[in-house]
C-alpha atoms as a PDB file:
ATOM      1  CA  MET A   1      12.866   4.560  10.459  1.00  0.00           C
ATOM      2  CA  ASN A   2      15.982   6.732  10.366  1.00  0.00           C
ATOM      3  CA  ILE A   3      16.525   9.860   8.291  1.00  0.00           C
ATOM      4  CA  ILE A   4      20.077  10.153   6.972  1.00  0.00           C
ATOM      5  CA  GLU A   5      21.926  12.085   4.291  1.00  0.00           C
ATOM      6  CA  VAL A   6      23.033   9.851   1.438  1.00  0.00           C
ATOM      7  CA  ASP A   7      24.473  10.723  -1.938  1.00  0.00           C
ATOM      8  CA  PRO A   8      22.838   8.142  -4.259  1.00  0.00           C
ATOM      9  CA  SER A   9      25.426   8.872  -6.953  1.00  0.00           C
ATOM     10  CA  THR A  10      28.217   7.491  -4.776  1.00  0.00           C
ATOM     11  CA  SER A  11      26.600   4.845  -2.592  1.00  0.00           C
ATOM     12  CA  PRO A  12      23.287   3.010  -2.540  1.00  0.00           C
ATOM     13  CA  PRO A  13      21.228   4.050   0.485  1.00  0.00           C
ATOM     14  CA  PRO A  14      20.498   1.289   2.981  1.00  0.00           C
ATOM     15  CA  ALA A  15      16.959   0.000   3.426  1.00  0.00           C
ATOM     16  CA  GLY A  16      14.806   1.736   5.989  1.00  0.00           C
ATOM     17  CA  THR A  17      16.274   5.221   5.455  1.00  0.00           C
ATOM     18  CA  ARG A  18      15.085   8.495   3.946  1.00  0.00           C
ATOM     19  CA  LEU A  19      17.052  10.791   1.682  1.00  0.00           C
ATOM     20  CA  ALA A  20      17.442  14.239   3.211  1.00  0.00           C
ATOM     21  CA  ALA A  21      15.869  16.129   0.286  1.00  0.00           C
ATOM     22  CA  ARG A  22      12.423  17.028  -1.008  1.00  0.00           C
ATOM     23  CA  PHE A  23      11.087  16.076  -4.427  1.00  0.00           C
ATOM     24  CA  SER A  24       7.835  16.549  -6.304  1.00  0.00           C
ATOM     25  CA  ILE A  25       6.021  13.635  -7.928  1.00  0.00           C
ATOM     26  CA  ALA A  26       7.098  15.008 -11.329  1.00  0.00           C
ATOM     27  CA  GLN A  27      10.749  15.072 -10.232  1.00  0.00           C
ATOM     28  CA  PHE A  28      10.445  11.575  -8.799  1.00  0.00           C
ATOM     29  CA  ASP A  29       8.993  10.313 -12.089  1.00  0.00           C
ATOM     30  CA  ALA A  30      11.799  12.024 -14.022  1.00  0.00           C
ATOM     31  CA  MET A  31      14.336  10.176 -11.865  1.00  0.00           C
ATOM     32  CA  ILE A  32      12.581   6.876 -12.573  1.00  0.00           C
ATOM     33  CA  ASN A  33      12.538   7.568 -16.316  1.00  0.00           C
ATOM     34  CA  ALA A  34      16.232   8.526 -16.227  1.00  0.00           C
ATOM     35  CA  GLY A  35      17.133   5.211 -14.587  1.00  0.00           C
ATOM     36  CA  VAL A  36      18.445   6.815 -11.407  1.00  0.00           C
ATOM     37  CA  PHE A  37      17.290   3.981  -9.183  1.00  0.00           C
ATOM     38  CA  SER A  38      18.820   0.523  -9.164  1.00  0.00           C
ATOM     39  CA  THR A  39      16.664  -2.219 -10.688  1.00  0.00           C
ATOM     40  CA  GLU A  40      17.494  -4.260  -7.594  1.00  0.00           C
ATOM     41  CA  THR A  41      15.789  -1.772  -5.270  1.00  0.00           C
ATOM     42  CA  ASP A  42      13.248   0.071  -7.427  1.00  0.00           C
ATOM     43  CA  ARG A  43      10.279  -1.792  -5.930  1.00  0.00           C
ATOM     44  CA  GLN A  44      11.420  -0.756  -2.438  1.00  0.00           C
ATOM     45  CA  ILE A  45      11.451   2.971  -3.230  1.00  0.00           C
ATOM     46  CA  HIS A  46       8.558   5.206  -2.223  1.00  0.00           C
ATOM     47  CA  LEU A  47       8.056   8.958  -2.271  1.00  0.00           C
ATOM     48  CA  LEU A  48       6.533   9.907   1.100  1.00  0.00           C
ATOM     49  CA  ASN A  49       5.638  13.548   1.677  1.00  0.00           C
ATOM     50  CA  GLY A  50       8.331  14.517  -0.812  1.00  0.00           C
ATOM     51  CA  GLU A  51      11.031  12.331   0.746  1.00  0.00           C
ATOM     52  CA  ILE A  52      12.508   9.356  -1.095  1.00  0.00           C
ATOM     53  CA  VAL A  53      12.264   6.380   1.245  1.00  0.00           C
ATOM     54  CA  ILE A  54      14.037   3.073   0.699  1.00  0.00           C
ATOM     55  CA  MET A  55      11.822   0.493   2.364  1.00  0.00           C
ATOM     56  CA  THR A  56      13.064  -2.675   4.005  1.00  0.00           C
ATOM     57  CA  PRO A  57      12.523  -5.654   1.643  1.00  0.00           C
ATOM     58  CA  PRO A  58       9.625  -7.953   2.583  1.00  0.00           C
ATOM     59  CA  ASN A  59      10.410 -11.201   4.338  1.00  0.00           C
ATOM     60  CA  PRO A  60       9.179 -14.672   3.231  1.00  0.00           C
ATOM     61  CA  ARG A  61       6.261 -14.630   5.682  1.00  0.00           C
ATOM     62  CA  HIS A  62       4.995 -11.355   4.202  1.00  0.00           C
ATOM     63  CA  ASP A  63       5.366 -12.672   0.652  1.00  0.00           C
ATOM     64  CA  ASP A  64       3.520 -15.901   1.441  1.00  0.00           C
ATOM     65  CA  VAL A  65       0.550 -14.026   2.921  1.00  0.00           C
ATOM     66  CA  LEU A  66       0.549 -11.649  -0.060  1.00  0.00           C
ATOM     67  CA  ARG A  67       0.593 -14.600  -2.471  1.00  0.00           C
ATOM     68  CA  LEU A  68      -2.485 -16.126  -0.807  1.00  0.00           C
ATOM     69  CA  LEU A  69      -4.176 -12.713  -0.569  1.00  0.00           C
ATOM     70  CA  SER A  70      -3.634 -12.191  -4.295  1.00  0.00           C
ATOM     71  CA  ALA A  71      -5.242 -15.537  -5.063  1.00  0.00           C
ATOM     72  CA  TRP A  72      -8.193 -14.553  -2.860  1.00  0.00           C
ATOM     73  CA  ALA A  73      -8.613 -11.201  -4.627  1.00  0.00           C
ATOM     74  CA  PHE A  74      -8.614 -12.687  -8.116  1.00  0.00           C
ATOM     75  CA  GLY A  75     -11.069 -15.310  -6.867  1.00  0.00           C
ATOM     76  CA  GLU A  76     -13.457 -12.547  -5.788  1.00  0.00           C
ATOM     77  CA  LEU A  77     -13.579 -10.974  -9.258  1.00  0.00           C
ATOM     78  CA  PRO A  78     -16.411 -13.163 -10.622  1.00  0.00           C
ATOM     79  CA  LYS A  79     -18.647 -12.098  -7.715  1.00  0.00           C
ATOM     80  CA  VAL A  80     -18.659  -8.442  -8.701  1.00  0.00           C
ATOM     81  CA  GLY A  81     -19.006  -8.630 -12.467  1.00  0.00           C
ATOM     82  CA  GLY A  82     -16.010  -6.502 -13.383  1.00  0.00           C
ATOM     83  CA  ALA A  83     -16.616  -3.805 -10.758  1.00  0.00           C
ATOM     84  CA  PHE A  84     -12.914  -3.660  -9.940  1.00  0.00           C
ATOM     85  CA  GLU A  85      -9.469  -4.760 -11.072  1.00  0.00           C
ATOM     86  CA  VAL A  86      -6.716  -6.173  -8.866  1.00  0.00           C
ATOM     87  CA  CYS A  87      -3.359  -4.401  -8.512  1.00  0.00           C
ATOM     88  CA  ILE A  88      -0.537  -6.201  -6.695  1.00  0.00           C
ATOM     89  CA  GLN A  89       2.301  -3.952  -5.449  1.00  0.00           C
ATOM     90  CA  LEU A  90       1.739  -1.379  -8.185  1.00  0.00           C
ATOM     91  CA  SER A  91       2.406   2.306  -7.626  1.00  0.00           C
ATOM     92  CA  MET A  92      -0.261   4.792  -6.548  1.00  0.00           C
ATOM     93  CA  ASN A  93      -0.234   8.599  -6.486  1.00  0.00           C
ATOM     94  CA  LEU A  94      -1.254  10.552  -3.390  1.00  0.00           C
ATOM     95  CA  GLU A  95      -1.161  14.023  -4.889  1.00  0.00           C
ATOM     96  CA  LYS A  96      -2.092  16.032  -1.792  1.00  0.00           C
ATOM     97  CA  GLN A  97       0.685  14.320   0.155  1.00  0.00           C
ATOM     98  CA  ASN A  98       3.223  14.622  -2.680  1.00  0.00           C
ATOM     99  CA  SER A  99       3.680  10.862  -2.413  1.00  0.00           C
ATOM    100  CA  VAL A 100       4.031   7.746  -4.543  1.00  0.00           C
ATOM    101  CA  VAL A 101       3.426   4.507  -2.671  1.00  0.00           C
ATOM    102  CA  LEU A 102       3.296   0.824  -3.570  1.00  0.00           C
ATOM    103  CA  PRO A 103       0.436  -0.753  -1.619  1.00  0.00           C
ATOM    104  CA  ASP A 104       0.496  -4.515  -1.343  1.00  0.00           C
ATOM    105  CA  LEU A 105      -2.937  -4.838  -2.946  1.00  0.00           C
ATOM    106  CA  MET A 106      -5.545  -2.488  -4.367  1.00  0.00           C
ATOM    107  CA  LEU A 107      -8.963  -3.049  -5.877  1.00  0.00           C
ATOM    108  CA  VAL A 108      -9.394  -0.213  -8.371  1.00  0.00           C
ATOM    109  CA  THR A 109     -11.897   1.078 -10.891  1.00  0.00           C
ATOM    110  CA  PRO A 110     -11.427  -0.696 -14.246  1.00  0.00           C
ATOM    111  CA  GLN A 111      -9.823   1.681 -16.762  1.00  0.00           C
ATOM    112  CA  SER A 112      -6.494   2.288 -18.443  1.00  0.00           C
ATOM    113  CA  TYR A 113      -3.685   3.446 -16.166  1.00  0.00           C
ATOM    114  CA  SER A 114      -1.063   3.628 -18.898  1.00  0.00           C
ATOM    115  CA  SER A 115      -0.717   7.418 -18.640  1.00  0.00           C
ATOM    116  CA  ARG A 116      -1.179   7.893 -14.901  1.00  0.00           C
ATOM    117  CA  ARG A 117      -1.134   5.958 -11.651  1.00  0.00           C
ATOM    118  CA  PRO A 118      -4.294   5.079  -9.737  1.00  0.00           C
ATOM    119  CA  ASN A 119      -5.151   7.554  -7.003  1.00  0.00           C
ATOM    120  CA  ALA A 120      -7.422   7.525  -3.959  1.00  0.00           C
ATOM    121  CA  SER A 121     -10.579   8.213  -5.958  1.00  0.00           C
ATOM    122  CA  ASP A 122      -9.871   5.181  -8.167  1.00  0.00           C
ATOM    123  CA  THR A 123      -9.289   2.890  -5.179  1.00  0.00           C
ATOM    124  CA  ARG A 124     -12.182   0.874  -3.799  1.00  0.00           C
ATOM    125  CA  LEU A 125     -10.150  -1.099  -1.274  1.00  0.00           C
ATOM    126  CA  LEU A 126      -6.488  -0.829  -0.275  1.00  0.00           C
ATOM    127  CA  ILE A 127      -4.739  -3.572   1.704  1.00  0.00           C
ATOM    128  CA  GLU A 128      -1.318  -3.593   3.344  1.00  0.00           C
ATOM    129  CA  VAL A 129       0.219  -6.862   4.550  1.00  0.00           C
ATOM    130  CA  SER A 130       2.079  -5.907   7.708  1.00  0.00           C
ATOM    131  CA  ASP A 131       4.778  -7.764   9.557  1.00  0.00           C
ATOM    132  CA  THR A 132       7.897  -5.704  10.264  1.00  0.00           C
ATOM    133  CA  THR A 133       6.090  -2.571   8.945  1.00  0.00           C
ATOM    134  CA  LEU A 134       3.054  -2.856  11.238  1.00  0.00           C
ATOM    135  CA  SER A 135       3.596   0.335  13.247  1.00  0.00           C
ATOM    136  CA  PHE A 136       4.396   2.287  10.060  1.00  0.00           C
ATOM    137  CA  ASP A 137       1.260   1.022   8.290  1.00  0.00           C
ATOM    138  CA  LEU A 138      -0.959   1.833  11.291  1.00  0.00           C
ATOM    139  CA  ASP A 139       0.512   5.288  11.842  1.00  0.00           C
ATOM    140  CA  GLU A 140       2.187   7.261   9.053  1.00  0.00           C
ATOM    141  CA  LYS A 141       0.627   5.355   6.167  1.00  0.00           C
ATOM    142  CA  MET A 142      -2.796   5.330   7.819  1.00  0.00           C
ATOM    143  CA  HIS A 143      -2.727   9.125   8.129  1.00  0.00           C
ATOM    144  CA  MET A 144      -1.564   9.506   4.528  1.00  0.00           C
ATOM    145  CA  TYR A 145      -4.304   7.267   3.176  1.00  0.00           C
ATOM    146  CA  ALA A 146      -6.950   8.999   5.289  1.00  0.00           C
ATOM    147  CA  GLU A 147      -5.796  12.469   4.185  1.00  0.00           C
ATOM    148  CA  ALA A 148      -5.844  11.322   0.556  1.00  0.00           C
ATOM    149  CA  GLY A 149      -9.399  10.005   0.955  1.00  0.00           C
ATOM    150  CA  VAL A 150      -8.833   6.262   0.563  1.00  0.00           C
ATOM    151  CA  ALA A 151     -12.314   5.115   1.556  1.00  0.00           C
ATOM    152  CA  GLU A 152     -11.478   1.637   2.844  1.00  0.00           C
ATOM    153  CA  TYR A 153      -8.090   0.609   4.209  1.00  0.00           C
ATOM    154  CA  TRP A 154      -7.323  -2.876   5.549  1.00  0.00           C
ATOM    155  CA  VAL A 155      -4.191  -3.886   7.411  1.00  0.00           C
ATOM    156  CA  ILE A 156      -3.390  -7.580   7.717  1.00  0.00           C
ATOM    157  CA  ASP A 157      -1.567  -7.809  11.041  1.00  0.00           C
ATOM    158  CA  ILE A 158       0.629 -10.887  10.601  1.00  0.00           C
ATOM    159  CA  PRO A 159       2.087 -11.019  14.143  1.00  0.00           C
ATOM    160  CA  HIS A 160      -1.392 -11.017  15.726  1.00  0.00           C
ATOM    161  CA  ARG A 161      -3.198 -12.853  12.941  1.00  0.00           C
ATOM    162  CA  SER A 162      -5.857 -10.194  12.710  1.00  0.00           C
ATOM    163  CA  LEU A 163      -7.411  -7.805  10.202  1.00  0.00           C
ATOM    164  CA  ILE A 164      -7.767  -4.112  11.015  1.00  0.00           C
ATOM    165  CA  VAL A 165     -10.434  -2.336   8.952  1.00  0.00           C
ATOM    166  CA  HIS A 166     -10.366   1.448   8.555  1.00  0.00           C
ATOM    167  CA  LEU A 167     -13.418   3.312   7.185  1.00  0.00           C
ATOM    168  CA  ASN A 168     -14.772   6.866   6.880  1.00  0.00           C
ATOM    169  CA  PRO A 169     -11.638   9.007   6.424  1.00  0.00           C
ATOM    170  CA  SER A 170     -11.807  12.517   7.843  1.00  0.00           C
ATOM    171  CA  ALA A 171      -9.133  15.080   8.726  1.00  0.00           C
ATOM    172  CA  GLY A 172      -6.251  12.642   8.414  1.00  0.00           C
ATOM    173  CA  ARG A 173      -7.823   9.843  10.444  1.00  0.00           C
ATOM    174  CA  TYR A 174     -10.423   7.120  10.039  1.00  0.00           C
ATOM    175  CA  ARG A 175     -13.580   7.523  12.095  1.00  0.00           C
ATOM    176  CA  SER A 176     -14.200   3.779  12.147  1.00  0.00           C
ATOM    177  CA  VAL A 177     -11.442   1.294  13.061  1.00  0.00           C
ATOM    178  CA  GLN A 178     -12.310  -2.330  13.821  1.00  0.00           C
ATOM    179  CA  THR A 179     -10.111  -5.342  14.483  1.00  0.00           C
ATOM    180  CA  PHE A 180     -11.235  -8.837  13.452  1.00  0.00           C
ATOM    181  CA  ASP A 181      -9.610 -12.080  14.482  1.00  0.00           C
ATOM    182  CA  GLU A 182      -8.433 -14.624  11.947  1.00  0.00           C
ATOM    183  CA  TYR A 183     -11.648 -16.665  11.937  1.00  0.00           C
ATOM    184  CA  GLU A 184     -14.110 -13.789  11.525  1.00  0.00           C
ATOM    185  CA  PRO A 185     -15.316 -13.276   7.936  1.00  0.00           C
ATOM    186  CA  VAL A 186     -15.050  -9.615   6.946  1.00  0.00           C
ATOM    187  CA  GLN A 187     -17.193  -7.988   4.270  1.00  0.00           C
ATOM    188  CA  SER A 188     -15.864  -5.105   2.252  1.00  0.00           C
ATOM    189  CA  TYR A 189     -17.810  -1.907   2.775  1.00  0.00           C
ATOM    190  CA  PHE A 190     -17.701  -0.995  -0.908  1.00  0.00           C
ATOM    191  CA  SER A 191     -18.930  -4.446  -1.994  1.00  0.00           C
ATOM    192  CA  PRO A 192     -20.495  -6.769   0.609  1.00  0.00           C
ATOM    193  CA  ASP A 193     -20.017  -9.671  -1.822  1.00  0.00           C
ATOM    194  CA  VAL A 194     -16.257  -9.366  -1.259  1.00  0.00           C
ATOM    195  CA  VAL A 195     -15.559 -11.379   1.899  1.00  0.00           C
ATOM    196  CA  LEU A 196     -12.259 -12.363   3.511  1.00  0.00           C
ATOM    197  CA  SER A 197     -11.468 -14.567   6.477  1.00  0.00           C
ATOM    198  CA  ILE A 198      -7.741 -14.150   7.036  1.00  0.00           C
ATOM    199  CA  SER A 199      -7.422 -17.690   8.382  1.00  0.00           C
ATOM    200  CA  GLN A 200      -7.137 -18.666   4.725  1.00  0.00           C
ATOM    201  CA  LEU A 201      -3.931 -16.587   4.511  1.00  0.00           C
ATOM    202  CA  PHE A 202      -2.060 -18.563   7.179  1.00  0.00           C
ATOM    203  CA  ARG A 203      -0.921 -22.146   6.705  1.00  0.00           C
END
């Protein structure tokens, strides 16, 4: 991912680049509320360690896996009796990292988020669907989530049809990292009743 200087007032920055400036979460939110970002790209914009990053749009393969993953997550809800709610590509605050990210899927504590975004302590399970972003999700994002204290982080590795499970965050890394193939059922650490075999995400 390249870092370039772009003046957003004169030209829209291309996907996959970072604006050469630093912003706080409060400043980032003020820009959102002021309508600074284009409605065509607002779901691609993250704040990562104070830098505004315009992410590459997802491709159809990513979206198809996410669609099936979303159906799986909502199907798991009856098993846990309201222990979590499902968030699909909704924003999340990582305060320590001065970041606002849009994970593909989160299972969060049920409560109102009308006045604030979910954060790591609200998040029971966070899942990224990774195709072109695989190295980013397994490196920079992994470290950010571990530093923030996201307890359970899954990466669906589309190219290799596998599921990478990260547990026990400590000092910016996860102490436990396991890879499961597409036919292995995987239980969530936070709720063993939540089980996914990623073969159901590929057709």
